PDB file of N, CA and C in Angstrom:
ATOM      1  N   UNK A   1      10.273  58.372 -12.233  1.00  0.00           N
ATOM      2  CA  UNK A   1       9.525  57.734 -11.153  1.00  0.00           C
ATOM      3  C   UNK A   1       9.997  56.288 -11.002  1.00  0.00           C
ATOM      4  N   UNK A   2       9.968  55.776  -9.760  1.00  0.00           N
ATOM      5  CA  UNK A   2      10.372  54.399  -9.534  1.00  0.00           C
ATOM      6  C   UNK A   2       9.425  53.420 -10.213  1.00  0.00           C
ATOM      7  N   UNK A   3       9.951  52.261 -10.520  1.00  0.00           N
ATOM      8  CA  UNK A   3       9.119  51.230 -11.113  1.00  0.00           C
ATOM      9  C   UNK A   3       7.994  50.850 -10.167  1.00  0.00           C
ATOM     10  N   UNK A   4       6.820  50.638 -10.685  1.00  0.00           N
ATOM     11  CA  UNK A   4       5.697  50.227  -9.864  1.00  0.00           C
ATOM     12  C   UNK A   4       4.969  51.361  -9.176  1.00  0.00           C
ATOM     13  N   UNK A   5       5.331  52.592  -9.485  1.00  0.00           N
ATOM     14  CA  UNK A   5       4.619  53.697  -8.847  1.00  0.00           C
ATOM     15  C   UNK A   5       3.228  53.810  -9.463  1.00  0.00           C
ATOM     16  N   UNK A   6       2.315  54.312  -8.680  1.00  0.00           N
ATOM     17  CA  UNK A   6       0.916  54.341  -9.102  1.00  0.00           C
ATOM     18  C   UNK A   6       0.657  55.472 -10.102  1.00  0.00           C
ATOM     19  N   UNK A   7      -0.412  55.350 -10.868  1.00  0.00           N
ATOM     20  CA  UNK A   7      -0.780  56.432 -11.788  1.00  0.00           C
ATOM     21  C   UNK A   7      -1.002  57.761 -11.056  1.00  0.00           C
ATOM     22  N   UNK A   8      -1.512  57.674  -9.821  1.00  0.00           N
ATOM     23  CA  UNK A   8      -1.714  58.892  -9.032  1.00  0.00           C
ATOM     24  C   UNK A   8      -0.379  59.588  -8.789  1.00  0.00           C
ATOM     25  N   UNK A   9       0.650  58.833  -8.418  1.00  0.00           N
ATOM     26  CA  UNK A   9       1.965  59.415  -8.157  1.00  0.00           C
ATOM     27  C   UNK A   9       2.598  59.951  -9.449  1.00  0.00           C
ATOM     28  N   UNK A  10       2.327  59.283 -10.557  1.00  0.00           N
ATOM     29  CA  UNK A  10       2.823  59.773 -11.857  1.00  0.00           C
ATOM     30  C   UNK A  10       2.205  61.137 -12.169  1.00  0.00           C
ATOM     31  N   UNK A  11       0.894  61.263 -11.964  1.00  0.00           N
ATOM     32  CA  UNK A  11       0.216  62.534 -12.205  1.00  0.00           C
ATOM     33  C   UNK A  11       0.726  63.608 -11.249  1.00  0.00           C
ATOM     34  N   UNK A  12       0.921  63.217 -10.001  1.00  0.00           N
ATOM     35  CA  UNK A  12       1.416  64.155  -8.999  1.00  0.00           C
ATOM     36  C   UNK A  12       2.806  64.668  -9.404  1.00  0.00           C
ATOM     37  N   UNK A  13       3.677  63.771  -9.841  1.00  0.00           N
ATOM     38  CA  UNK A  13       5.024  64.140 -10.288  1.00  0.00           C
ATOM     39  C   UNK A  13       4.957  65.141 -11.439  1.00  0.00           C
ATOM     40  N   UNK A  14       4.145  64.835 -12.449  1.00  0.00           N
ATOM     41  CA  UNK A  14       4.028  65.723 -13.612  1.00  0.00           C
ATOM     42  C   UNK A  14       3.476  67.095 -13.218  1.00  0.00           C
ATOM     43  N   UNK A  15       2.491  67.104 -12.344  1.00  0.00           N
ATOM     44  CA  UNK A  15       1.894  68.363 -11.905  1.00  0.00           C
ATOM     45  C   UNK A  15       2.927  69.229 -11.168  1.00  0.00           C
ATOM     46  N   UNK A  16       3.669  68.628 -10.260  1.00  0.00           N
ATOM     47  CA  UNK A  16       4.672  69.372  -9.491  1.00  0.00           C
ATOM     48  C   UNK A  16       5.779  69.858 -10.410  1.00  0.00           C
ATOM     49  N   UNK A  17       6.207  69.006 -11.349  1.00  0.00           N
ATOM     50  CA  UNK A  17       7.271  69.387 -12.285  1.00  0.00           C
ATOM     51  C   UNK A  17       6.830  70.567 -13.144  1.00  0.00           C
ATOM     52  N   UNK A  18       5.622  70.500 -13.674  1.00  0.00           N
ATOM     53  CA  UNK A  18       5.108  71.590 -14.511  1.00  0.00           C
ATOM     54  C   UNK A  18       4.968  72.885 -13.710  1.00  0.00           C
ATOM     55  N   UNK A  19       4.503  72.778 -12.468  1.00  0.00           N
ATOM     56  CA  UNK A  19       4.368  73.967 -11.625  1.00  0.00           C
ATOM     57  C   UNK A  19       5.717  74.620 -11.368  1.00  0.00           C
ATOM     58  N   UNK A  20       6.717  73.801 -11.106  1.00  0.00           N
ATOM     59  CA  UNK A  20       8.065  74.335 -10.855  1.00  0.00           C
ATOM     60  C   UNK A  20       8.618  75.005 -12.114  1.00  0.00           C
ATOM     61  N   UNK A  21       8.380  74.416 -13.262  1.00  0.00           N
ATOM     62  CA  UNK A  21       8.850  75.020 -14.517  1.00  0.00           C
ATOM     63  C   UNK A  21       8.143  76.346 -14.780  1.00  0.00           C
ATOM     64  N   UNK A  22       6.862  76.419 -14.457  1.00  0.00           N
ATOM     65  CA  UNK A  22       6.121  77.673 -14.637  1.00  0.00           C
ATOM     66  C   UNK A  22       6.621  78.761 -13.709  1.00  0.00           C
ATOM     67  N   UNK A  23       7.157  78.367 -12.545  1.00  0.00           N
ATOM     68  CA  UNK A  23       7.727  79.339 -11.608  1.00  0.00           C
ATOM     69  C   UNK A  23       9.120  79.798 -12.044  1.00  0.00           C
ATOM     70  N   UNK A  24       9.650  79.187 -13.108  1.00  0.00           N
ATOM     71  CA  UNK A  24      10.940  79.613 -13.632  1.00  0.00           C
ATOM     72  C   UNK A  24      12.100  78.702 -13.284  1.00  0.00           C
ATOM     73  N   UNK A  25      11.838  77.549 -12.678  1.00  0.00           N
ATOM     74  CA  UNK A  25      12.901  76.610 -12.367  1.00  0.00           C
ATOM     75  C   UNK A  25      13.392  75.947 -13.659  1.00  0.00           C
ATOM     76  N   UNK A  26      14.673  75.613 -13.692  1.00  0.00           N
ATOM     77  CA  UNK A  26      15.224  74.871 -14.830  1.00  0.00           C
ATOM     78  C   UNK A  26      14.592  73.480 -14.850  1.00  0.00           C
ATOM     79  N   UNK A  27      14.584  72.853 -16.013  1.00  0.00           N
ATOM     80  CA  UNK A  27      13.918  71.548 -16.150  1.00  0.00           C
ATOM     81  C   UNK A  27      14.494  70.510 -15.193  1.00  0.00           C
ATOM     82  N   UNK A  28      15.820  70.445 -15.087  1.00  0.00           N
ATOM     83  CA  UNK A  28      16.436  69.459 -14.193  1.00  0.00           C
ATOM     84  C   UNK A  28      16.070  69.727 -12.734  1.00  0.00           C
ATOM     85  N   UNK A  29      16.062  70.987 -12.339  1.00  0.00           N
ATOM     86  CA  UNK A  29      15.693  71.346 -10.966  1.00  0.00           C
ATOM     87  C   UNK A  29      14.220  71.027 -10.722  1.00  0.00           C
ATOM     88  N   UNK A  30      13.369  71.282 -11.701  1.00  0.00           N
ATOM     89  CA  UNK A  30      11.945  70.965 -11.571  1.00  0.00           C
ATOM     90  C   UNK A  30      11.742  69.463 -11.393  1.00  0.00           C
ATOM     91  N   UNK A  31      12.501  68.656 -12.132  1.00  0.00           N
ATOM     92  CA  UNK A  31      12.408  67.200 -11.991  1.00  0.00           C
ATOM     93  C   UNK A  31      12.836  66.772 -10.593  1.00  0.00           C
ATOM     94  N   UNK A  32      13.908  67.388 -10.083  1.00  0.00           N
ATOM     95  CA  UNK A  32      14.407  67.054  -8.746  1.00  0.00           C
ATOM     96  C   UNK A  32      13.374  67.401  -7.677  1.00  0.00           C
ATOM     97  N   UNK A  33      12.793  68.579  -7.775  1.00  0.00           N
ATOM     98  CA  UNK A  33      11.777  69.009  -6.810  1.00  0.00           C
ATOM     99  C   UNK A  33      10.597  68.046  -6.826  1.00  0.00           C
ATOM    100  N   UNK A  34      10.142  67.704  -8.015  1.00  0.00           N
ATOM    101  CA  UNK A  34       8.989  66.803  -8.150  1.00  0.00           C
ATOM    102  C   UNK A  34       9.307  65.422  -7.585  1.00  0.00           C
ATOM    103  N   UNK A  35      10.467  64.898  -7.927  1.00  0.00           N
ATOM    104  CA  UNK A  35      10.835  63.559  -7.459  1.00  0.00           C
ATOM    105  C   UNK A  35      10.947  63.518  -5.936  1.00  0.00           C
ATOM    106  N   UNK A  36      11.594  64.528  -5.361  1.00  0.00           N
ATOM    107  CA  UNK A  36      11.740  64.550  -3.906  1.00  0.00           C
ATOM    108  C   UNK A  36      10.382  64.664  -3.207  1.00  0.00           C
ATOM    109  N   UNK A  37       9.519  65.490  -3.744  1.00  0.00           N
ATOM    110  CA  UNK A  37       8.197  65.675  -3.134  1.00  0.00           C
ATOM    111  C   UNK A  37       7.385  64.390  -3.214  1.00  0.00           C
ATOM    112  N   UNK A  38       7.360  63.776  -4.386  1.00  0.00           N
ATOM    113  CA  UNK A  38       6.585  62.546  -4.556  1.00  0.00           C
ATOM    114  C   UNK A  38       7.176  61.414  -3.721  1.00  0.00           C
ATOM    115  N   UNK A  39       8.501  61.318  -3.668  1.00  0.00           N
ATOM    116  CA  UNK A  39       9.118  60.263  -2.864  1.00  0.00           C
ATOM    117  C   UNK A  39       8.787  60.432  -1.387  1.00  0.00           C
ATOM    118  N   UNK A  40       8.760  61.671  -0.921  1.00  0.00           N
ATOM    119  CA  UNK A  40       8.404  61.916   0.474  1.00  0.00           C
ATOM    120  C   UNK A  40       6.955  61.511   0.730  1.00  0.00           C
ATOM    121  N   UNK A  41       6.057  61.862  -0.180  1.00  0.00           N
ATOM    122  CA  UNK A  41       4.660  61.487  -0.016  1.00  0.00           C
ATOM    123  C   UNK A  41       4.494  59.967  -0.048  1.00  0.00           C
ATOM    124  N   UNK A  42       5.261  59.301  -0.909  1.00  0.00           N
ATOM    125  CA  UNK A  42       5.207  57.835  -0.964  1.00  0.00           C
ATOM    126  C   UNK A  42       5.672  57.232   0.355  1.00  0.00           C
ATOM    127  N   UNK A  43       6.741  57.797   0.932  1.00  0.00           N
ATOM    128  CA  UNK A  43       7.254  57.303   2.212  1.00  0.00           C
ATOM    129  C   UNK A  43       6.223  57.498   3.322  1.00  0.00           C
ATOM    130  N   UNK A  44       5.590  58.660   3.327  1.00  0.00           N
ATOM    131  CA  UNK A  44       4.585  58.957   4.359  1.00  0.00           C
ATOM    132  C   UNK A  44       3.392  58.006   4.255  1.00  0.00           C
ATOM    133  N   UNK A  45       3.077  57.591   3.031  1.00  0.00           N
ATOM    134  CA  UNK A  45       1.924  56.712   2.820  1.00  0.00           C
ATOM    135  C   UNK A  45       2.296  55.228   2.940  1.00  0.00           C
ATOM    136  N   UNK A  46       3.575  54.936   3.213  1.00  0.00           N
ATOM    137  CA  UNK A  46       4.005  53.548   3.346  1.00  0.00           C
ATOM    138  C   UNK A  46       4.158  52.835   2.018  1.00  0.00           C
ATOM    139  N   UNK A  47       4.364  53.585   0.939  1.00  0.00           N
ATOM    140  CA  UNK A  47       4.461  52.994  -0.393  1.00  0.00           C
ATOM    141  C   UNK A  47       5.897  52.727  -0.822  1.00  0.00           C
ATOM    142  N   UNK A  48       6.877  53.067   0.016  1.00  0.00           N
ATOM    143  CA  UNK A  48       8.275  52.850  -0.358  1.00  0.00           C
ATOM    144  C   UNK A  48       8.920  51.863   0.615  1.00  0.00           C
ATOM    145  N   UNK A  49      10.012  51.237   0.178  1.00  0.00           N
ATOM    146  CA  UNK A  49      10.692  50.249   1.014  1.00  0.00           C
ATOM    147  C   UNK A  49      11.415  50.903   2.180  1.00  0.00           C
ATOM    148  N   UNK A  50      12.005  52.075   1.935  1.00  0.00           N
ATOM    149  CA  UNK A  50      12.734  52.775   2.989  1.00  0.00           C
ATOM    150  C   UNK A  50      12.215  54.200   3.103  1.00  0.00           C
ATOM    151  N   UNK A  51      12.408  54.783   4.289  1.00  0.00           N
ATOM    152  CA  UNK A  51      11.970  56.158   4.505  1.00  0.00           C
ATOM    153  C   UNK A  51      12.822  56.781   5.603  1.00  0.00           C
ATOM    154  N   UNK A  52      13.241  58.014   5.393  1.00  0.00           N
ATOM    155  CA  UNK A  52      14.009  58.706   6.417  1.00  0.00           C
ATOM    156  C   UNK A  52      13.083  59.183   7.521  1.00  0.00           C
ATOM    157  N   UNK A  53      13.661  59.451   8.683  1.00  0.00           N
ATOM    158  CA  UNK A  53      12.872  59.929   9.816  1.00  0.00           C
ATOM    159  C   UNK A  53      12.177  61.242   9.477  1.00  0.00           C
ATOM    160  N   UNK A  54      12.900  62.135   8.772  1.00  0.00           N
ATOM    161  CA  UNK A  54      12.304  63.427   8.443  1.00  0.00           C
ATOM    162  C   UNK A  54      11.163  63.285   7.438  1.00  0.00           C
ATOM    163  N   UNK A  55      11.215  62.263   6.582  1.00  0.00           N
ATOM    164  CA  UNK A  55      10.112  62.049   5.639  1.00  0.00           C
ATOM    165  C   UNK A  55       8.833  61.656   6.356  1.00  0.00           C
ATOM    166  N   UNK A  56       8.985  60.889   7.398  1.00  0.00           N
ATOM    167  CA  UNK A  56       7.809  60.382   8.097  1.00  0.00           C
ATOM    168  C   UNK A  56       7.303  61.370   9.139  1.00  0.00           C
ATOM    169  N   UNK A  57       8.218  61.987   9.894  1.00  0.00           N
ATOM    170  CA  UNK A  57       7.805  62.825  11.014  1.00  0.00           C
ATOM    171  C   UNK A  57       7.580  64.283  10.653  1.00  0.00           C
ATOM    172  N   UNK A  58       8.176  64.747   9.570  1.00  0.00           N
ATOM    173  CA  UNK A  58       8.070  66.150   9.190  1.00  0.00           C
ATOM    174  C   UNK A  58       6.656  66.465   8.681  1.00  0.00           C
ATOM    175  N   UNK A  59       6.354  67.739   8.620  1.00  0.00           N
ATOM    176  CA  UNK A  59       5.063  68.195   8.089  1.00  0.00           C
ATOM    177  C   UNK A  59       4.969  67.808   6.607  1.00  0.00           C
ATOM    178  N   UNK A  60       3.829  67.306   6.147  1.00  0.00           N
ATOM    179  CA  UNK A  60       3.707  66.927   4.741  1.00  0.00           C
ATOM    180  C   UNK A  60       3.897  68.136   3.813  1.00  0.00           C
ATOM    181  N   UNK A  61       4.494  67.892   2.670  1.00  0.00           N
ATOM    182  CA  UNK A  61       4.749  68.958   1.712  1.00  0.00           C
ATOM    183  C   UNK A  61       3.453  69.648   1.287  1.00  0.00           C
ATOM    184  N   UNK A  62       2.378  68.890   1.188  1.00  0.00           N
ATOM    185  CA  UNK A  62       1.111  69.474   0.756  1.00  0.00           C
ATOM    186  C   UNK A  62       0.582  70.498   1.755  1.00  0.00           C
ATOM    187  N   UNK A  63       0.875  70.315   3.021  1.00  0.00           N
ATOM    188  CA  UNK A  63       0.436  71.269   4.040  1.00  0.00           C
ATOM    189  C   UNK A  63       1.466  72.380   4.255  1.00  0.00           C
ATOM    190  N   UNK A  64       2.727  72.044   4.082  1.00  0.00           N
ATOM    191  CA  UNK A  64       3.806  72.995   4.358  1.00  0.00           C
ATOM    192  C   UNK A  64       3.801  74.151   3.370  1.00  0.00           C
ATOM    193  N   UNK A  65       3.579  73.877   2.114  1.00  0.00           N
ATOM    194  CA  UNK A  65       3.503  74.927   1.099  1.00  0.00           C
ATOM    195  C   UNK A  65       4.774  75.754   0.963  1.00  0.00           C
ATOM    196  N   UNK A  66       5.933  75.138   1.153  1.00  0.00           N
ATOM    197  CA  UNK A  66       7.195  75.848   0.985  1.00  0.00           C
ATOM    198  C   UNK A  66       7.647  76.641   2.194  1.00  0.00           C
ATOM    199  N   UNK A  67       6.945  76.527   3.318  1.00  0.00           N
ATOM    200  CA  UNK A  67       7.311  77.314   4.499  1.00  0.00           C
ATOM    201  C   UNK A  67       8.690  76.988   5.027  1.00  0.00           C
ATOM    202  N   UNK A  68       9.168  75.773   4.790  1.00  0.00           N
ATOM    203  CA  UNK A  68      10.477  75.392   5.308  1.00  0.00           C
ATOM    204  C   UNK A  68      11.495  75.160   4.207  1.00  0.00           C
ATOM    205  N   UNK A  69      11.278  75.726   3.066  1.00  0.00           N
ATOM    206  CA  UNK A  69      12.209  75.520   1.964  1.00  0.00           C
ATOM    207  C   UNK A  69      13.518  76.234   2.253  1.00  0.00           C
ATOM    208  N   UNK A  70      14.567  75.853   1.545  1.00  0.00           N
ATOM    209  CA  UNK A  70      15.888  76.442   1.756  1.00  0.00           C
ATOM    210  C   UNK A  70      15.893  77.931   1.460  1.00  0.00           C
ATOM    211  N   UNK A  71      15.016  78.390   0.617  1.00  0.00           N
ATOM    212  CA  UNK A  71      14.992  79.805   0.283  1.00  0.00           C
ATOM    213  C   UNK A  71      13.973  80.574   1.118  1.00  0.00           C
ATOM    214  N   UNK A  72      13.321  79.888   2.059  1.00  0.00           N
ATOM    215  CA  UNK A  72      12.326  80.536   2.900  1.00  0.00           C
ATOM    216  C   UNK A  72      12.954  81.541   3.848  1.00  0.00           C
ATOM    217  N   UNK A  73      12.133  82.222   4.604  1.00  0.00           N
ATOM    218  CA  UNK A  73      12.610  83.300   5.465  1.00  0.00           C
ATOM    219  C   UNK A  73      13.578  82.811   6.530  1.00  0.00           C
ATOM    220  N   UNK A  74      13.376  81.609   7.042  1.00  0.00           N
ATOM    221  CA  UNK A  74      14.261  81.092   8.082  1.00  0.00           C
ATOM    222  C   UNK A  74      15.232  80.059   7.548  1.00  0.00           C
ATOM    223  N   UNK A  75      15.177  79.745   6.286  1.00  0.00           N
ATOM    224  CA  UNK A  75      16.093  78.770   5.699  1.00  0.00           C
ATOM    225  C   UNK A  75      15.762  77.351   6.100  1.00  0.00           C
ATOM    226  N   UNK A  76      16.736  76.449   5.975  1.00  0.00           N
ATOM    227  CA  UNK A  76      16.492  75.042   6.284  1.00  0.00           C
ATOM    228  C   UNK A  76      16.257  74.826   7.785  1.00  0.00           C
ATOM    229  N   UNK A  77      15.561  73.733   8.117  1.00  0.00           N
ATOM    230  CA  UNK A  77      15.308  73.406   9.512  1.00  0.00           C
ATOM    231  C   UNK A  77      16.584  72.876  10.153  1.00  0.00           C
ATOM    232  N   UNK A  78      16.580  72.784  11.474  1.00  0.00           N
ATOM    233  CA  UNK A  78      17.740  72.247  12.188  1.00  0.00           C
ATOM    234  C   UNK A  78      17.980  70.797  11.768  1.00  0.00           C
ATOM    235  N   UNK A  79      16.901  70.031  11.602  1.00  0.00           N
ATOM    236  CA  UNK A  79      17.049  68.639  11.163  1.00  0.00           C
ATOM    237  C   UNK A  79      17.698  68.560   9.786  1.00  0.00           C
ATOM    238  N   UNK A  80      17.306  69.451   8.870  1.00  0.00           N
ATOM    239  CA  UNK A  80      17.902  69.456   7.537  1.00  0.00           C
ATOM    240  C   UNK A  80      19.386  69.811   7.623  1.00  0.00           C
ATOM    241  N   UNK A  81      19.717  70.797   8.449  1.00  0.00           N
ATOM    242  CA  UNK A  81      21.121  71.179   8.629  1.00  0.00           C
ATOM    243  C   UNK A  81      21.914  70.040   9.263  1.00  0.00           C
ATOM    244  N   UNK A  82      21.327  69.399  10.263  1.00  0.00           N
ATOM    245  CA  UNK A  82      22.006  68.294  10.931  1.00  0.00           C
ATOM    246  C   UNK A  82      22.281  67.157   9.947  1.00  0.00           C
ATOM    247  N   UNK A  83      21.295  66.821   9.116  1.00  0.00           N
ATOM    248  CA  UNK A  83      21.490  65.751   8.133  1.00  0.00           C
ATOM    249  C   UNK A  83      22.600  66.103   7.150  1.00  0.00           C
ATOM    250  N   UNK A  84      22.647  67.360   6.722  1.00  0.00           N
ATOM    251  CA  UNK A  84      23.718  67.790   5.824  1.00  0.00           C
ATOM    252  C   UNK A  84      25.069  67.707   6.525  1.00  0.00           C
ATOM    253  N   UNK A  85      25.127  68.105   7.799  1.00  0.00           N
ATOM    254  CA  UNK A  85      26.376  68.025   8.572  1.00  0.00           C
ATOM    255  C   UNK A  85      26.813  66.571   8.736  1.00  0.00           C
ATOM    256  N   UNK A  86      25.849  65.676   8.938  1.00  0.00           N
ATOM    257  CA  UNK A  86      26.174  64.253   9.055  1.00  0.00           C
ATOM    258  C   UNK A  86      26.745  63.731   7.744  1.00  0.00           C
ATOM    259  N   UNK A  87      26.137  64.132   6.617  1.00  0.00           N
ATOM    260  CA  UNK A  87      26.637  63.694   5.318  1.00  0.00           C
ATOM    261  C   UNK A  87      28.047  64.197   5.059  1.00  0.00           C
ATOM    262  N   UNK A  88      28.355  65.405   5.555  1.00  0.00           N
ATOM    263  CA  UNK A  88      29.691  65.981   5.374  1.00  0.00           C
ATOM    264  C   UNK A  88      30.655  65.555   6.480  1.00  0.00           C
ATOM    265  N   UNK A  89      30.163  64.764   7.428  1.00  0.00           N
ATOM    266  CA  UNK A  89      30.974  64.234   8.525  1.00  0.00           C
ATOM    267  C   UNK A  89      31.599  65.343   9.370  1.00  0.00           C
ATOM    268  N   UNK A  90      30.818  66.353   9.712  1.00  0.00           N
ATOM    269  CA  UNK A  90      31.288  67.469  10.540  1.00  0.00           C
ATOM    270  C   UNK A  90      31.288  67.026  11.998  1.00  0.00           C
ATOM    271  N   UNK A  91      32.435  67.168  12.648  1.00  0.00           N
ATOM    272  CA  UNK A  91      32.599  66.746  14.041  1.00  0.00           C
ATOM    273  C   UNK A  91      31.857  67.687  14.987  1.00  0.00           C
ATOM    274  N   UNK A  92      31.285  67.139  16.052  1.00  0.00           N
ATOM    275  CA  UNK A  92      30.601  67.919  17.067  1.00  0.00           C
ATOM    276  C   UNK A  92      29.208  68.376  16.685  1.00  0.00           C
ATOM    277  N   UNK A  93      28.665  67.868  15.596  1.00  0.00           N
ATOM    278  CA  UNK A  93      27.368  68.341  15.091  1.00  0.00           C
ATOM    279  C   UNK A  93      26.228  68.067  16.067  1.00  0.00           C
ATOM    280  N   UNK A  94      26.313  66.995  16.840  1.00  0.00           N
ATOM    281  CA  UNK A  94      25.212  66.661  17.740  1.00  0.00           C
ATOM    282  C   UNK A  94      25.065  67.666  18.880  1.00  0.00           C
ATOM    283  N   UNK A  95      26.125  68.394  19.179  1.00  0.00           N
ATOM    284  CA  UNK A  95      26.075  69.387  20.256  1.00  0.00           C
ATOM    285  C   UNK A  95      25.759  70.789  19.742  1.00  0.00           C
ATOM    286  N   UNK A  96      25.651  70.957  18.423  1.00  0.00           N
ATOM    287  CA  UNK A  96      25.462  72.282  17.837  1.00  0.00           C
ATOM    288  C   UNK A  96      23.992  72.675  17.780  1.00  0.00           C
ATOM    289  N   UNK A  97      23.729  73.984  17.957  1.00  0.00           N
ATOM    290  CA  UNK A  97      22.387  74.493  17.718  1.00  0.00           C
ATOM    291  C   UNK A  97      22.276  74.888  16.240  1.00  0.00           C
ATOM    292  N   UNK A  98      21.116  75.396  15.857  1.00  0.00           N
ATOM    293  CA  UNK A  98      20.867  75.701  14.449  1.00  0.00           C
ATOM    294  C   UNK A  98      21.878  76.707  13.887  1.00  0.00           C
ATOM    295  N   UNK A  99      22.161  77.766  14.639  1.00  0.00           N
ATOM    296  CA  UNK A  99      23.088  78.789  14.178  1.00  0.00           C
ATOM    297  C   UNK A  99      24.498  78.222  13.996  1.00  0.00           C
ATOM    298  N   UNK A 100      24.922  77.371  14.935  1.00  0.00           N
ATOM    299  CA  UNK A 100      26.251  76.762  14.833  1.00  0.00           C
ATOM    300  C   UNK A 100      26.334  75.818  13.639  1.00  0.00           C
ATOM    301  N   UNK A 101      25.257  75.066  13.389  1.00  0.00           N
ATOM    302  CA  UNK A 101      25.240  74.181  12.224  1.00  0.00           C
ATOM    303  C   UNK A 101      25.349  74.998  10.934  1.00  0.00           C
ATOM    304  N   UNK A 102      24.622  76.110  10.874  1.00  0.00           N
ATOM    305  CA  UNK A 102      24.695  76.978   9.688  1.00  0.00           C
ATOM    306  C   UNK A 102      26.126  77.450   9.463  1.00  0.00           C
ATOM    307  N   UNK A 103      26.786  77.906  10.536  1.00  0.00           N
ATOM    308  CA  UNK A 103      28.171  78.388  10.404  1.00  0.00           C
ATOM    309  C   UNK A 103      29.095  77.278   9.964  1.00  0.00           C
ATOM    310  N   UNK A 104      28.959  76.099  10.564  1.00  0.00           N
ATOM    311  CA  UNK A 104      29.827  74.969  10.228  1.00  0.00           C
ATOM    312  C   UNK A 104      29.658  74.532   8.782  1.00  0.00           C
ATOM    313  N   UNK A 105      28.427  74.691   8.267  1.00  0.00           N
ATOM    314  CA  UNK A 105      28.151  74.293   6.878  1.00  0.00           C
ATOM    315  C   UNK A 105      28.421  75.420   5.878  1.00  0.00           C
ATOM    316  N   UNK A 106      28.648  76.622   6.402  1.00  0.00           N
ATOM    317  CA  UNK A 106      28.900  77.752   5.515  1.00  0.00           C
ATOM    318  C   UNK A 106      27.640  78.336   4.901  1.00  0.00           C
ATOM    319  N   UNK A 107      26.529  78.238   5.610  1.00  0.00           N
ATOM    320  CA  UNK A 107      25.255  78.792   5.108  1.00  0.00           C
ATOM    321  C   UNK A 107      25.121  80.233   5.459  1.00  0.00           C
TER     322      UNK A 107
END
């Protein structure tokens, strides 16, 4: 957890990490899931210095309940695919629909 995080966020991190481990996730993956979830909640609450657009505008993790996870029935959202395409510097990504982004990324 980042320095200065609240006791509430520490408890939230531990709870999410333990839940992920109970579901069979490896310890490192459980830590990653917990950190990402808590960081997103911190961004939504205005507790972090920086926040991505998807952290602020997307549905909160507490309400989503895994509906948009990468392993979900529809896979990642178009915004998630677009962000990955931007990170990989894929040309023409702004004109692509969700299916085209998936193909370009090899999903």
